[in-house]
PDB file of N, CA and C in Angstrom:
ATOM      1  N   MET A   1     143.182 154.138  93.105  1.00  0.00           N
ATOM      2  CA  MET A   1     142.078 154.720  93.828  1.00  0.00           C
ATOM      3  C   MET A   1     140.723 154.215  93.310  1.00  0.00           C
ATOM      4  N   THR A   2     140.601 154.107  91.984  1.00  0.00           N
ATOM      5  CA  THR A   2     139.315 153.632  91.457  1.00  0.00           C
ATOM      6  C   THR A   2     139.064 152.177  91.853  1.00  0.00           C
ATOM      7  N   ASP A   3     140.133 151.397  92.082  1.00  0.00           N
ATOM      8  CA  ASP A   3     139.924 150.024  92.554  1.00  0.00           C
ATOM      9  C   ASP A   3     139.274 150.021  93.937  1.00  0.00           C
ATOM     10  N   GLU A   4     139.711 150.936  94.801  1.00  0.00           N
ATOM     11  CA  GLU A   4     139.112 151.039  96.130  1.00  0.00           C
ATOM     12  C   GLU A   4     137.649 151.473  96.033  1.00  0.00           C
ATOM     13  N   ILE A   5     137.374 152.422  95.145  1.00  0.00           N
ATOM     14  CA  ILE A   5     135.996 152.870  94.936  1.00  0.00           C
ATOM     15  C   ILE A   5     135.157 151.711  94.403  1.00  0.00           C
ATOM     16  N   LYS A   6     135.715 150.981  93.446  1.00  0.00           N
ATOM     17  CA  LYS A   6     134.995 149.838  92.874  1.00  0.00           C
ATOM     18  C   LYS A   6     134.663 148.823  93.962  1.00  0.00           C
ATOM     19  N   GLU A   7     135.624 148.547  94.822  1.00  0.00           N
ATOM     20  CA  GLU A   7     135.429 147.563  95.878  1.00  0.00           C
ATOM     21  C   GLU A   7     134.409 148.030  96.924  1.00  0.00           C
ATOM     22  N   LYS A   8     134.471 149.307  97.316  1.00  0.00           N
ATOM     23  CA  LYS A   8     133.623 149.806  98.397  1.00  0.00           C
ATOM     24  C   LYS A   8     132.229 150.235  97.954  1.00  0.00           C
ATOM     25  N   PHE A   9     132.097 150.739  96.718  1.00  0.00           N
ATOM     26  CA  PHE A   9     130.858 151.425  96.356  1.00  0.00           C
ATOM     27  C   PHE A   9     130.073 150.831  95.201  1.00  0.00           C
ATOM     28  N   THR A  10     130.638 149.889  94.464  1.00  0.00           N
ATOM     29  CA  THR A  10     129.886 149.313  93.354  1.00  0.00           C
ATOM     30  C   THR A  10     128.629 148.621  93.878  1.00  0.00           C
ATOM     31  N   GLY A  11     127.514 148.932  93.237  1.00  0.00           N
ATOM     32  CA  GLY A  11     126.251 148.318  93.634  1.00  0.00           C
ATOM     33  C   GLY A  11     125.161 149.356  93.795  1.00  0.00           C
ATOM     34  N   LYS A  12     124.049 148.925  94.388  1.00  0.00           N
ATOM     35  CA  LYS A  12     122.894 149.800  94.590  1.00  0.00           C
ATOM     36  C   LYS A  12     122.905 150.347  96.013  1.00  0.00           C
ATOM     37  N   TRP A  13     122.620 151.648  96.121  1.00  0.00           N
ATOM     38  CA  TRP A  13     122.610 152.338  97.404  1.00  0.00           C
ATOM     39  C   TRP A  13     121.302 153.096  97.568  1.00  0.00           C
ATOM     40  N   LYS A  14     120.706 152.990  98.743  1.00  0.00           N
ATOM     41  CA  LYS A  14     119.500 153.754  99.058  1.00  0.00           C
ATOM     42  C   LYS A  14     119.890 154.909  99.981  1.00  0.00           C
ATOM     43  N   MET A  15     119.199 156.033  99.813  1.00  0.00           N
ATOM     44  CA  MET A  15     119.491 157.200 100.636  1.00  0.00           C
ATOM     45  C   MET A  15     119.173 156.917 102.093  1.00  0.00           C
ATOM     46  N   ASP A  16     120.121 157.224 102.952  1.00  0.00           N
ATOM     47  CA  ASP A  16     119.954 157.047 104.388  1.00  0.00           C
ATOM     48  C   ASP A  16     119.392 158.322 105.016  1.00  0.00           C
ATOM     49  N   ARG A  17     119.912 159.474 104.596  1.00  0.00           N
ATOM     50  CA  ARG A  17     119.457 160.745 105.134  1.00  0.00           C
ATOM     51  C   ARG A  17     119.773 161.866 104.155  1.00  0.00           C
ATOM     52  N   SER A  18     119.065 162.955 104.313  1.00  0.00           N
ATOM     53  CA  SER A  18     119.274 164.143 103.510  1.00  0.00           C
ATOM     54  C   SER A  18     119.269 165.330 104.452  1.00  0.00           C
ATOM     55  N   GLU A  19     120.314 166.128 104.423  1.00  0.00           N
ATOM     56  CA  GLU A  19     120.433 167.244 105.351  1.00  0.00           C
ATOM     57  C   GLU A  19     120.296 168.569 104.607  1.00  0.00           C
ATOM     58  N   ASN A  20     119.272 169.313 104.936  1.00  0.00           N
ATOM     59  CA  ASN A  20     118.999 170.654 104.424  1.00  0.00           C
ATOM     60  C   ASN A  20     118.848 170.706 102.904  1.00  0.00           C
ATOM     61  N   PHE A  21     118.317 169.660 102.315  1.00  0.00           N
ATOM     62  CA  PHE A  21     118.086 169.626 100.874  1.00  0.00           C
ATOM     63  C   PHE A  21     117.056 170.681 100.468  1.00  0.00           C
ATOM     64  N   ASP A  22     116.028 170.867 101.297  1.00  0.00           N
ATOM     65  CA  ASP A  22     115.021 171.884 101.000  1.00  0.00           C
ATOM     66  C   ASP A  22     115.660 173.277 100.977  1.00  0.00           C
ATOM     67  N   GLY A  23     116.538 173.556 101.919  1.00  0.00           N
ATOM     68  CA  GLY A  23     117.230 174.846 101.951  1.00  0.00           C
ATOM     69  C   GLY A  23     118.096 175.060 100.721  1.00  0.00           C
ATOM     70  N   PHE A  24     118.766 173.996 100.281  1.00  0.00           N
ATOM     71  CA  PHE A  24     119.581 174.073  99.066  1.00  0.00           C
ATOM     72  C   PHE A  24     118.704 174.393  97.863  1.00  0.00           C
ATOM     73  N   MET A  25     117.599 173.658  97.715  1.00  0.00           N
ATOM     74  CA  MET A  25     116.727 173.884  96.567  1.00  0.00           C
ATOM     75  C   MET A  25     116.094 175.272  96.619  1.00  0.00           C
ATOM     76  N   ASN A  26     115.725 175.728  97.804  1.00  0.00           N
ATOM     77  CA  ASN A  26     115.159 177.064  97.950  1.00  0.00           C
ATOM     78  C   ASN A  26     116.179 178.123  97.517  1.00  0.00           C
ATOM     79  N   ALA A  27     117.434 177.949  97.929  1.00  0.00           N
ATOM     80  CA  ALA A  27     118.493 178.886  97.543  1.00  0.00           C
ATOM     81  C   ALA A  27     118.710 178.898  96.036  1.00  0.00           C
ATOM     82  N   MET A  28     118.424 177.781  95.373  1.00  0.00           N
ATOM     83  CA  MET A  28     118.588 177.699  93.923  1.00  0.00           C
ATOM     84  C   MET A  28     117.351 178.186  93.171  1.00  0.00           C
ATOM     85  N   GLY A  29     116.306 178.593  93.913  1.00  0.00           N
ATOM     86  CA  GLY A  29     115.127 179.148  93.266  1.00  0.00           C
ATOM     87  C   GLY A  29     114.072 178.137  92.858  1.00  0.00           C
ATOM     88  N   VAL A  30     114.142 176.928  93.404  1.00  0.00           N
ATOM     89  CA  VAL A  30     113.153 175.895  93.076  1.00  0.00           C
ATOM     90  C   VAL A  30     111.848 176.227  93.790  1.00  0.00           C
ATOM     91  N   ASN A  31     110.734 176.110  93.060  1.00  0.00           N
ATOM     92  CA  ASN A  31     109.456 176.484  93.664  1.00  0.00           C
ATOM     93  C   ASN A  31     109.041 175.510  94.767  1.00  0.00           C
ATOM     94  N   PHE A  32     108.141 175.984  95.613  1.00  0.00           N
ATOM     95  CA  PHE A  32     107.704 175.262  96.804  1.00  0.00           C
ATOM     96  C   PHE A  32     107.197 173.862  96.482  1.00  0.00           C
ATOM     97  N   PHE A  33     106.338 173.713  95.477  1.00  0.00           N
ATOM     98  CA  PHE A  33     105.735 172.423  95.152  1.00  0.00           C
ATOM     99  C   PHE A  33     106.805 171.388  94.769  1.00  0.00           C
ATOM    100  N   ILE A  34     107.730 171.774  93.915  1.00  0.00           N
ATOM    101  CA  ILE A  34     108.793 170.839  93.493  1.00  0.00           C
ATOM    102  C   ILE A  34     109.692 170.492  94.675  1.00  0.00           C
ATOM    103  N   ARG A  35     110.002 171.476  95.525  1.00  0.00           N
ATOM    104  CA  ARG A  35     110.835 171.210  96.710  1.00  0.00           C
ATOM    105  C   ARG A  35     110.172 170.173  97.611  1.00  0.00           C
ATOM    106  N   LYS A  36     108.878 170.290  97.821  1.00  0.00           N
ATOM    107  CA  LYS A  36     108.189 169.352  98.704  1.00  0.00           C
ATOM    108  C   LYS A  36     108.127 167.956  98.091  1.00  0.00           C
ATOM    109  N   MET A  37     107.867 167.883  96.795  1.00  0.00           N
ATOM    110  CA  MET A  37     107.860 166.573  96.125  1.00  0.00           C
ATOM    111  C   MET A  37     109.243 165.922  96.220  1.00  0.00           C
ATOM    112  N   ALA A  38     110.284 166.693  95.950  1.00  0.00           N
ATOM    113  CA  ALA A  38     111.652 166.162  95.985  1.00  0.00           C
ATOM    114  C   ALA A  38     112.042 165.741  97.396  1.00  0.00           C
ATOM    115  N   GLY A  39     111.514 166.438  98.398  1.00  0.00           N
ATOM    116  CA  GLY A  39     111.820 166.093  99.781  1.00  0.00           C
ATOM    117  C   GLY A  39     111.301 164.723 100.185  1.00  0.00           C
ATOM    118  N   PHE A  40     110.240 164.264  99.519  1.00  0.00           N
ATOM    119  CA  PHE A  40     109.687 162.939  99.815  1.00  0.00           C
ATOM    120  C   PHE A  40     110.373 161.821  99.035  1.00  0.00           C
ATOM    121  N   ALA A  41     111.128 162.184  98.011  1.00  0.00           N
ATOM    122  CA  ALA A  41     111.788 161.179  97.179  1.00  0.00           C
ATOM    123  C   ALA A  41     112.885 160.481  97.975  1.00  0.00           C
ATOM    124  N   LYS A  42     113.011 159.218  97.771  1.00  0.00           N
ATOM    125  CA  LYS A  42     114.083 158.419  98.383  1.00  0.00           C
ATOM    126  C   LYS A  42     114.853 157.757  97.243  1.00  0.00           C
ATOM    127  N   PRO A  43     115.774 158.494  96.639  1.00  0.00           N
ATOM    128  CA  PRO A  43     116.458 157.966  95.461  1.00  0.00           C
ATOM    129  C   PRO A  43     117.358 156.774  95.763  1.00  0.00           C
ATOM    130  N   GLU A  44     117.540 155.988  94.736  1.00  0.00           N
ATOM    131  CA  GLU A  44     118.469 154.866  94.787  1.00  0.00           C
ATOM    132  C   GLU A  44     119.578 155.156  93.783  1.00  0.00           C
ATOM    133  N   ASN A  45     120.815 154.955  94.199  1.00  0.00           N
ATOM    134  CA  ASN A  45     121.959 155.154  93.315  1.00  0.00           C
ATOM    135  C   ASN A  45     122.548 153.809  92.942  1.00  0.00           C
ATOM    136  N   ASP A  46     122.849 153.650  91.678  1.00  0.00           N
ATOM    137  CA  ASP A  46     123.544 152.465  91.181  1.00  0.00           C
ATOM    138  C   ASP A  46     124.924 152.955  90.743  1.00  0.00           C
ATOM    139  N   ILE A  47     125.959 152.492  91.432  1.00  0.00           N
ATOM    140  CA  ILE A  47     127.315 152.973  91.196  1.00  0.00           C
ATOM    141  C   ILE A  47     128.149 151.882  90.558  1.00  0.00           C
ATOM    142  N   LYS A  48     128.912 152.287  89.533  1.00  0.00           N
ATOM    143  CA  LYS A  48     129.848 151.351  88.922  1.00  0.00           C
ATOM    144  C   LYS A  48     131.082 152.117  88.470  1.00  0.00           C
ATOM    145  N   VAL A  49     132.179 151.386  88.280  1.00  0.00           N
ATOM    146  CA  VAL A  49     133.427 151.951  87.773  1.00  0.00           C
ATOM    147  C   VAL A  49     133.769 151.200  86.499  1.00  0.00           C
ATOM    148  N   GLU A  50     133.893 151.949  85.404  1.00  0.00           N
ATOM    149  CA  GLU A  50     134.218 151.339  84.113  1.00  0.00           C
ATOM    150  C   GLU A  50     135.718 151.080  84.017  1.00  0.00           C
ATOM    151  N   ASP A  51     136.113 150.287  83.028  1.00  0.00           N
ATOM    152  CA  ASP A  51     137.515 149.877  82.873  1.00  0.00           C
ATOM    153  C   ASP A  51     138.473 151.051  82.724  1.00  0.00           C
ATOM    154  N   ASP A  52     138.012 152.159  82.132  1.00  0.00           N
ATOM    155  CA  ASP A  52     138.896 153.316  81.935  1.00  0.00           C
ATOM    156  C   ASP A  52     138.930 154.244  83.148  1.00  0.00           C
ATOM    157  N   GLY A  53     138.286 153.848  84.264  1.00  0.00           N
ATOM    158  CA  GLY A  53     138.289 154.654  85.481  1.00  0.00           C
ATOM    159  C   GLY A  53     137.116 155.603  85.595  1.00  0.00           C
ATOM    160  N   THR A  54     136.235 155.624  84.596  1.00  0.00           N
ATOM    161  CA  THR A  54     135.050 156.474  84.667  1.00  0.00           C
ATOM    162  C   THR A  54     134.103 155.926  85.729  1.00  0.00           C
ATOM    163  N   ILE A  55     133.664 156.801  86.613  1.00  0.00           N
ATOM    164  CA  ILE A  55     132.701 156.433  87.648  1.00  0.00           C
ATOM    165  C   ILE A  55     131.323 156.836  87.145  1.00  0.00           C
ATOM    166  N   VAL A  56     130.375 155.929  87.263  1.00  0.00           N
ATOM    167  CA  VAL A  56     129.011 156.181  86.792  1.00  0.00           C
ATOM    168  C   VAL A  56     128.077 156.046  87.985  1.00  0.00           C
ATOM    169  N   ILE A  57     127.300 157.112  88.234  1.00  0.00           N
ATOM    170  CA  ILE A  57     126.281 157.079  89.278  1.00  0.00           C
ATOM    171  C   ILE A  57     124.934 157.329  88.614  1.00  0.00           C
ATOM    172  N   ALA A  58     124.121 156.283  88.553  1.00  0.00           N
ATOM    173  CA  ALA A  58     122.772 156.393  88.004  1.00  0.00           C
ATOM    174  C   ALA A  58     121.820 156.562  89.184  1.00  0.00           C
ATOM    175  N   THR A  59     121.036 157.627  89.159  1.00  0.00           N
ATOM    176  CA  THR A  59     120.099 157.933  90.236  1.00  0.00           C
ATOM    177  C   THR A  59     118.677 157.717  89.733  1.00  0.00           C
ATOM    178  N   ASN A  60     117.897 157.003  90.529  1.00  0.00           N
ATOM    179  CA  ASN A  60     116.522 156.701  90.159  1.00  0.00           C
ATOM    180  C   ASN A  60     115.624 156.989  91.356  1.00  0.00           C
ATOM    181  N   SER A  61     114.601 157.818  91.142  1.00  0.00           N
ATOM    182  CA  SER A  61     113.615 158.073  92.183  1.00  0.00           C
ATOM    183  C   SER A  61     112.247 158.186  91.532  1.00  0.00           C
ATOM    184  N   THR A  62     111.238 158.395  92.334  1.00  0.00           N
ATOM    185  CA  THR A  62     109.879 158.530  91.830  1.00  0.00           C
ATOM    186  C   THR A  62     109.760 159.674  90.834  1.00  0.00           C
ATOM    187  N   PHE A  63     110.532 160.747  91.055  1.00  0.00           N
ATOM    188  CA  PHE A  63     110.372 161.966  90.278  1.00  0.00           C
ATOM    189  C   PHE A  63     111.446 162.190  89.219  1.00  0.00           C
ATOM    190  N   MET A  64     112.528 161.433  89.248  1.00  0.00           N
ATOM    191  CA  MET A  64     113.638 161.771  88.370  1.00  0.00           C
ATOM    192  C   MET A  64     114.564 160.572  88.151  1.00  0.00           C
ATOM    193  N   LYS A  65     115.125 160.550  86.964  1.00  0.00           N
ATOM    194  CA  LYS A  65     116.204 159.619  86.650  1.00  0.00           C
ATOM    195  C   LYS A  65     117.336 160.446  86.071  1.00  0.00           C
ATOM    196  N   SER A  66     118.559 160.141  86.487  1.00  0.00           N
ATOM    197  CA  SER A  66     119.705 160.856  85.939  1.00  0.00           C
ATOM    198  C   SER A  66     120.934 159.959  86.005  1.00  0.00           C
ATOM    199  N   GLU A  67     121.950 160.376  85.289  1.00  0.00           N
ATOM    200  CA  GLU A  67     123.211 159.628  85.292  1.00  0.00           C
ATOM    201  C   GLU A  67     124.358 160.616  85.254  1.00  0.00           C
ATOM    202  N   GLN A  68     125.309 160.428  86.137  1.00  0.00           N
ATOM    203  CA  GLN A  68     126.538 161.213  86.140  1.00  0.00           C
ATOM    204  C   GLN A  68     127.686 160.295  85.739  1.00  0.00           C
ATOM    205  N   ARG A  69     128.531 160.794  84.867  1.00  0.00           N
ATOM    206  CA  ARG A  69     129.714 160.054  84.423  1.00  0.00           C
ATOM    207  C   ARG A  69     130.900 160.985  84.605  1.00  0.00           C
ATOM    208  N   PHE A  70     131.907 160.524  85.337  1.00  0.00           N
ATOM    209  CA  PHE A  70     133.038 161.399  85.602  1.00  0.00           C
ATOM    210  C   PHE A  70     134.282 160.597  85.973  1.00  0.00           C
ATOM    211  N   LYS A  71     135.403 161.293  85.930  1.00  0.00           N
ATOM    212  CA  LYS A  71     136.667 160.758  86.430  1.00  0.00           C
ATOM    213  C   LYS A  71     137.081 161.609  87.615  1.00  0.00           C
ATOM    214  N   LEU A  72     137.743 160.989  88.565  1.00  0.00           N
ATOM    215  CA  LEU A  72     138.171 161.701  89.763  1.00  0.00           C
ATOM    216  C   LEU A  72     139.056 162.889  89.407  1.00  0.00           C
ATOM    217  N   ASP A  73     138.864 163.969  90.159  1.00  0.00           N
ATOM    218  CA  ASP A  73     139.674 165.182  90.055  1.00  0.00           C
ATOM    219  C   ASP A  73     139.581 165.862  88.696  1.00  0.00           C
ATOM    220  N   GLU A  74     138.547 165.542  87.911  1.00  0.00           N
ATOM    221  CA  GLU A  74     138.302 166.218  86.636  1.00  0.00           C
ATOM    222  C   GLU A  74     136.933 166.884  86.700  1.00  0.00           C
ATOM    223  N   GLU A  75     136.933 168.217  86.657  1.00  0.00           N
ATOM    224  CA  GLU A  75     135.679 168.962  86.718  1.00  0.00           C
ATOM    225  C   GLU A  75     134.814 168.647  85.509  1.00  0.00           C
ATOM    226  N   TYR A  76     133.510 168.553  85.731  1.00  0.00           N
ATOM    227  CA  TYR A  76     132.570 168.354  84.634  1.00  0.00           C
ATOM    228  C   TYR A  76     131.333 169.201  84.893  1.00  0.00           C
ATOM    229  N   VAL A  77     130.649 169.576  83.821  1.00  0.00           N
ATOM    230  CA  VAL A  77     129.445 170.404  83.921  1.00  0.00           C
ATOM    231  C   VAL A  77     128.228 169.509  83.778  1.00  0.00           C
ATOM    232  N   GLU A  78     127.246 169.752  84.632  1.00  0.00           N
ATOM    233  CA  GLU A  78     126.013 168.966  84.626  1.00  0.00           C
ATOM    234  C   GLU A  78     124.834 169.927  84.775  1.00  0.00           C
ATOM    235  N   GLU A  79     123.771 169.663  84.034  1.00  0.00           N
ATOM    236  CA  GLU A  79     122.543 170.417  84.250  1.00  0.00           C
ATOM    237  C   GLU A  79     121.641 169.589  85.141  1.00  0.00           C
ATOM    238  N   ASN A  80     121.278 170.153  86.275  1.00  0.00           N
ATOM    239  CA  ASN A  80     120.383 169.466  87.185  1.00  0.00           C
ATOM    240  C   ASN A  80     118.997 169.421  86.551  1.00  0.00           C
ATOM    241  N   PRO A  81     118.456 168.228  86.289  1.00  0.00           N
ATOM    242  CA  PRO A  81     117.183 168.133  85.582  1.00  0.00           C
ATOM    243  C   PRO A  81     115.994 168.666  86.379  1.00  0.00           C
ATOM    244  N   MET A  82     116.101 168.685  87.682  1.00  0.00           N
ATOM    245  CA  MET A  82     114.972 169.131  88.491  1.00  0.00           C
ATOM    246  C   MET A  82     114.867 170.658  88.519  1.00  0.00           C
ATOM    247  N   ILE A  83     116.002 171.326  88.629  1.00  0.00           N
ATOM    248  CA  ILE A  83     115.955 172.779  88.772  1.00  0.00           C
ATOM    249  C   ILE A  83     116.450 173.513  87.526  1.00  0.00           C
ATOM    250  N   LYS A  84     116.863 172.765  86.508  1.00  0.00           N
ATOM    251  CA  LYS A  84     117.268 173.338  85.218  1.00  0.00           C
ATOM    252  C   LYS A  84     118.389 174.364  85.357  1.00  0.00           C
ATOM    253  N   LYS A  85     119.352 174.066  86.219  1.00  0.00           N
ATOM    254  CA  LYS A  85     120.520 174.933  86.387  1.00  0.00           C
ATOM    255  C   LYS A  85     121.777 174.100  86.178  1.00  0.00           C
ATOM    256  N   LYS A  86     122.806 174.752  85.619  1.00  0.00           N
ATOM    257  CA  LYS A  86     124.065 174.058  85.369  1.00  0.00           C
ATOM    258  C   LYS A  86     125.015 174.243  86.548  1.00  0.00           C
ATOM    259  N   PHE A  87     125.748 173.160  86.829  1.00  0.00           N
ATOM    260  CA  PHE A  87     126.735 173.164  87.900  1.00  0.00           C
ATOM    261  C   PHE A  87     128.064 172.641  87.374  1.00  0.00           C
ATOM    262  N   LYS A  88     129.140 173.191  87.910  1.00  0.00           N
ATOM    263  CA  LYS A  88     130.472 172.636  87.693  1.00  0.00           C
ATOM    264  C   LYS A  88     130.718 171.723  88.889  1.00  0.00           C
ATOM    265  N   ASN A  89     130.892 170.448  88.621  1.00  0.00           N
ATOM    266  CA  ASN A  89     131.085 169.462  89.674  1.00  0.00           C
ATOM    267  C   ASN A  89     132.538 169.018  89.731  1.00  0.00           C
ATOM    268  N   MET A  90     133.055 168.891  90.950  1.00  0.00           N
ATOM    269  CA  MET A  90     134.411 168.384  91.137  1.00  0.00           C
ATOM    270  C   MET A  90     134.335 167.118  91.986  1.00  0.00           C
ATOM    271  N   PRO A  91     134.581 165.953  91.362  1.00  0.00           N
ATOM    272  CA  PRO A  91     134.559 164.696  92.111  1.00  0.00           C
ATOM    273  C   PRO A  91     135.933 164.401  92.729  1.00  0.00           C
ATOM    274  N   THR A  92     135.915 164.016  93.993  1.00  0.00           N
ATOM    275  CA  THR A  92     137.155 163.665  94.691  1.00  0.00           C
ATOM    276  C   THR A  92     136.926 162.410  95.524  1.00  0.00           C
ATOM    277  N   PHE A  93     138.016 161.778  95.893  1.00  0.00           N
ATOM    278  CA  PHE A  93     137.968 160.624  96.785  1.00  0.00           C
ATOM    279  C   PHE A  93     139.064 160.814  97.822  1.00  0.00           C
ATOM    280  N   LYS A  94     138.645 160.971  99.077  1.00  0.00           N
ATOM    281  CA  LYS A  94     139.608 161.213 100.149  1.00  0.00           C
ATOM    282  C   LYS A  94     139.057 160.613 101.434  1.00  0.00           C
ATOM    283  N   ASP A  95     139.928 159.982 102.200  1.00  0.00           N
ATOM    284  CA  ASP A  95     139.548 159.391 103.486  1.00  0.00           C
ATOM    285  C   ASP A  95     138.364 158.439 103.363  1.00  0.00           C
ATOM    286  N   GLY A  96     138.315 157.680 102.265  1.00  0.00           N
ATOM    287  CA  GLY A  96     137.261 156.692 102.071  1.00  0.00           C
ATOM    288  C   GLY A  96     135.928 157.264 101.641  1.00  0.00           C
ATOM    289  N   LYS A  97     135.894 158.552 101.272  1.00  0.00           N
ATOM    290  CA  LYS A  97     134.638 159.193 100.884  1.00  0.00           C
ATOM    291  C   LYS A  97     134.706 159.644  99.437  1.00  0.00           C
ATOM    292  N   LEU A  98     133.704 159.257  98.671  1.00  0.00           N
ATOM    293  CA  LEU A  98     133.530 159.724  97.303  1.00  0.00           C
ATOM    294  C   LEU A  98     132.660 160.966  97.390  1.00  0.00           C
ATOM    295  N   ARG A  99     133.184 162.089  96.913  1.00  0.00           N
ATOM    296  CA  ARG A  99     132.509 163.368  97.091  1.00  0.00           C
ATOM    297  C   ARG A  99     132.376 164.077  95.756  1.00  0.00           C
ATOM    298  N   VAL A 100     131.193 164.615  95.487  1.00  0.00           N
ATOM    299  CA  VAL A 100     130.963 165.436  94.299  1.00  0.00           C
ATOM    300  C   VAL A 100     130.549 166.814  94.809  1.00  0.00           C
ATOM    301  N   THR A 101     131.404 167.808  94.593  1.00  0.00           N
ATOM    302  CA  THR A 101     131.160 169.148  95.094  1.00  0.00           C
ATOM    303  C   THR A 101     130.719 170.048  93.946  1.00  0.00           C
ATOM    304  N   PRO A 102     129.465 170.537  93.984  1.00  0.00           N
ATOM    305  CA  PRO A 102     128.972 171.391  92.905  1.00  0.00           C
ATOM    306  C   PRO A 102     129.165 172.875  93.211  1.00  0.00           C
ATOM    307  N   THR A 103     129.405 173.654  92.174  1.00  0.00           N
ATOM    308  CA  THR A 103     129.345 175.116  92.259  1.00  0.00           C
ATOM    309  C   THR A 103     128.530 175.578  91.060  1.00  0.00           C
ATOM    310  N   PRO A 104     127.735 176.625  91.227  1.00  0.00           N
ATOM    311  CA  PRO A 104     126.908 177.084  90.111  1.00  0.00           C
ATOM    312  C   PRO A 104     127.768 177.496  88.923  1.00  0.00           C
ATOM    313  N   ALA A 105     127.383 177.059  87.738  1.00  0.00           N
ATOM    314  CA  ALA A 105     128.075 177.457  86.514  1.00  0.00           C
ATOM    315  C   ALA A 105     127.515 178.772  86.002  1.00  0.00           C
ATOM    316  N   GLU A 106     126.376 179.169  86.553  1.00  0.00           N
ATOM    317  CA  GLU A 106     125.701 180.397  86.147  1.00  0.00           C
ATOM    318  C   GLU A 106     125.533 181.277  87.378  1.00  0.00           C
ATOM    319  N   GLN A 107     125.312 182.546  87.153  1.00  0.00           N
ATOM    320  CA  GLN A 107     125.045 183.481  88.245  1.00  0.00           C
ATOM    321  C   GLN A 107     123.762 183.090  88.968  1.00  0.00           C
ATOM    322  N   VAL A 108     123.800 183.084  90.282  1.00  0.00           N
ATOM    323  CA  VAL A 108     122.589 182.870  91.074  1.00  0.00           C
ATOM    324  C   VAL A 108     122.349 184.112  91.916  1.00  0.00           C
ATOM    325  N   ASP A 109     121.093 184.371  92.240  1.00  0.00           N
ATOM    326  CA  ASP A 109     120.720 185.600  92.938  1.00  0.00           C
ATOM    327  C   ASP A 109     120.912 185.541  94.437  1.00  0.00           C
ATOM    328  N   VAL A 110     121.167 184.366  94.967  1.00  0.00           N
ATOM    329  CA  VAL A 110     121.325 184.221  96.410  1.00  0.00           C
ATOM    330  C   VAL A 110     122.658 183.550  96.679  1.00  0.00           C
ATOM    331  N   PRO A 111     123.218 183.753  97.871  1.00  0.00           N
ATOM    332  CA  PRO A 111     124.495 183.086  98.177  1.00  0.00           C
ATOM    333  C   PRO A 111     124.343 181.573  98.072  1.00  0.00           C
ATOM    334  N   TYR A 112     125.310 180.936  97.471  1.00  0.00           N
ATOM    335  CA  TYR A 112     125.278 179.485  97.301  1.00  0.00           C
ATOM    336  C   TYR A 112     125.583 178.815  98.634  1.00  0.00           C
ATOM    337  N   PRO A 113     124.762 177.892  99.074  1.00  0.00           N
ATOM    338  CA  PRO A 113     124.971 177.274 100.385  1.00  0.00           C
ATOM    339  C   PRO A 113     126.172 176.341 100.394  1.00  0.00           C
ATOM    340  N   ASP A 114     126.807 176.250 101.548  1.00  0.00           N
ATOM    341  CA  ASP A 114     127.954 175.365 101.713  1.00  0.00           C
ATOM    342  C   ASP A 114     127.542 173.910 101.851  1.00  0.00           C
ATOM    343  N   TYR A 115     126.261 173.653 102.062  1.00  0.00           N
ATOM    344  CA  TYR A 115     125.812 172.300 102.381  1.00  0.00           C
ATOM    345  C   TYR A 115     125.326 171.517 101.171  1.00  0.00           C
ATOM    346  N   ALA A 116     125.704 171.925  99.979  1.00  0.00           N
ATOM    347  CA  ALA A 116     125.200 171.265  98.787  1.00  0.00           C
ATOM    348  C   ALA A 116     126.066 170.088  98.344  1.00  0.00           C
ATOM    349  N   GLU A 117     127.106 169.813  99.059  1.00  0.00           N
ATOM    350  CA  GLU A 117     128.015 168.749  98.690  1.00  0.00           C
ATOM    351  C   GLU A 117     127.349 167.382  98.851  1.00  0.00           C
ATOM    352  N   ARG A 118     127.577 166.508  97.884  1.00  0.00           N
ATOM    353  CA  ARG A 118     127.080 165.136  97.962  1.00  0.00           C
ATOM    354  C   ARG A 118     128.212 164.250  98.406  1.00  0.00           C
ATOM    355  N   GLU A 119     127.927 163.362  99.303  1.00  0.00           N
ATOM    356  CA  GLU A 119     128.966 162.487  99.821  1.00  0.00           C
ATOM    357  C   GLU A 119     128.399 161.080  99.925  1.00  0.00           C
ATOM    358  N   ILE A 120     129.169 160.123  99.477  1.00  0.00           N
ATOM    359  CA  ILE A 120     128.762 158.728  99.582  1.00  0.00           C
ATOM    360  C   ILE A 120     129.802 158.028 100.434  1.00  0.00           C
ATOM    361  N   THR A 121     129.366 157.478 101.524  1.00  0.00           N
ATOM    362  CA  THR A 121     130.281 156.770 102.408  1.00  0.00           C
ATOM    363  C   THR A 121     129.714 155.392 102.693  1.00  0.00           C
ATOM    364  N   GLU A 122     130.582 154.530 103.120  1.00  0.00           N
ATOM    365  CA  GLU A 122     130.158 153.186 103.497  1.00  0.00           C
ATOM    366  C   GLU A 122     130.101 153.133 105.011  1.00  0.00           C
ATOM    367  N   GLU A 123     128.952 152.778 105.541  1.00  0.00           N
ATOM    368  CA  GLU A 123     128.817 152.622 106.974  1.00  0.00           C
ATOM    369  C   GLU A 123     128.400 151.188 107.268  1.00  0.00           C
ATOM    370  N   VAL A 124     129.078 150.590 108.199  1.00  0.00           N
ATOM    371  CA  VAL A 124     128.776 149.217 108.559  1.00  0.00           C
ATOM    372  C   VAL A 124     128.161 149.220 109.950  1.00  0.00           C
ATOM    373  N   ASN A 125     126.987 148.661 110.084  1.00  0.00           N
ATOM    374  CA  ASN A 125     126.295 148.569 111.359  1.00  0.00           C
ATOM    375  C   ASN A 125     126.461 147.152 111.862  1.00  0.00           C
ATOM    376  N   GLN A 126     127.281 147.013 112.885  1.00  0.00           N
ATOM    377  CA  GLN A 126     127.534 145.669 113.417  1.00  0.00           C
ATOM    378  C   GLN A 126     126.723 145.448 114.683  1.00  0.00           C
ATOM    379  N   GLY A 127     126.105 144.335 114.752  1.00  0.00           N
ATOM    380  CA  GLY A 127     125.404 143.938 115.964  1.00  0.00           C
ATOM    381  C   GLY A 127     124.060 144.606 116.165  1.00  0.00           C
ATOM    382  N   GLY A 128     123.450 145.096 115.094  1.00  0.00           N
ATOM    383  CA  GLY A 128     122.106 145.516 115.290  1.00  0.00           C
ATOM    384  C   GLY A 128     121.708 146.839 114.890  1.00  0.00           C
TER     385      GLY A 128
END
């Protein structure tokens, strides 16, 4: 499976779209100013797969730099540097999609939105 990920996703990726990111950040208690700044960010991800199967996603934007290191189907805890909250992330690969699904590791005061999942897919635009 990691060979397929290496073949399809290794390299630099620019964000194509973001759906309801402001709503997610609002639900997590991020203040208005930071939410608006983050909404303008267009992060670039650099993805690689190491020899032991560890997947590394380095994210770089105007406001933040971060790196996630994980193996498929192994939960890991990450502190989101922008909102200072910890998440338990579960990375999976199914139907050609690399997915990192976060759940709060700490109690949150509002219902956690279903739309917080990150998904990286390969889309090929042929003919224009």
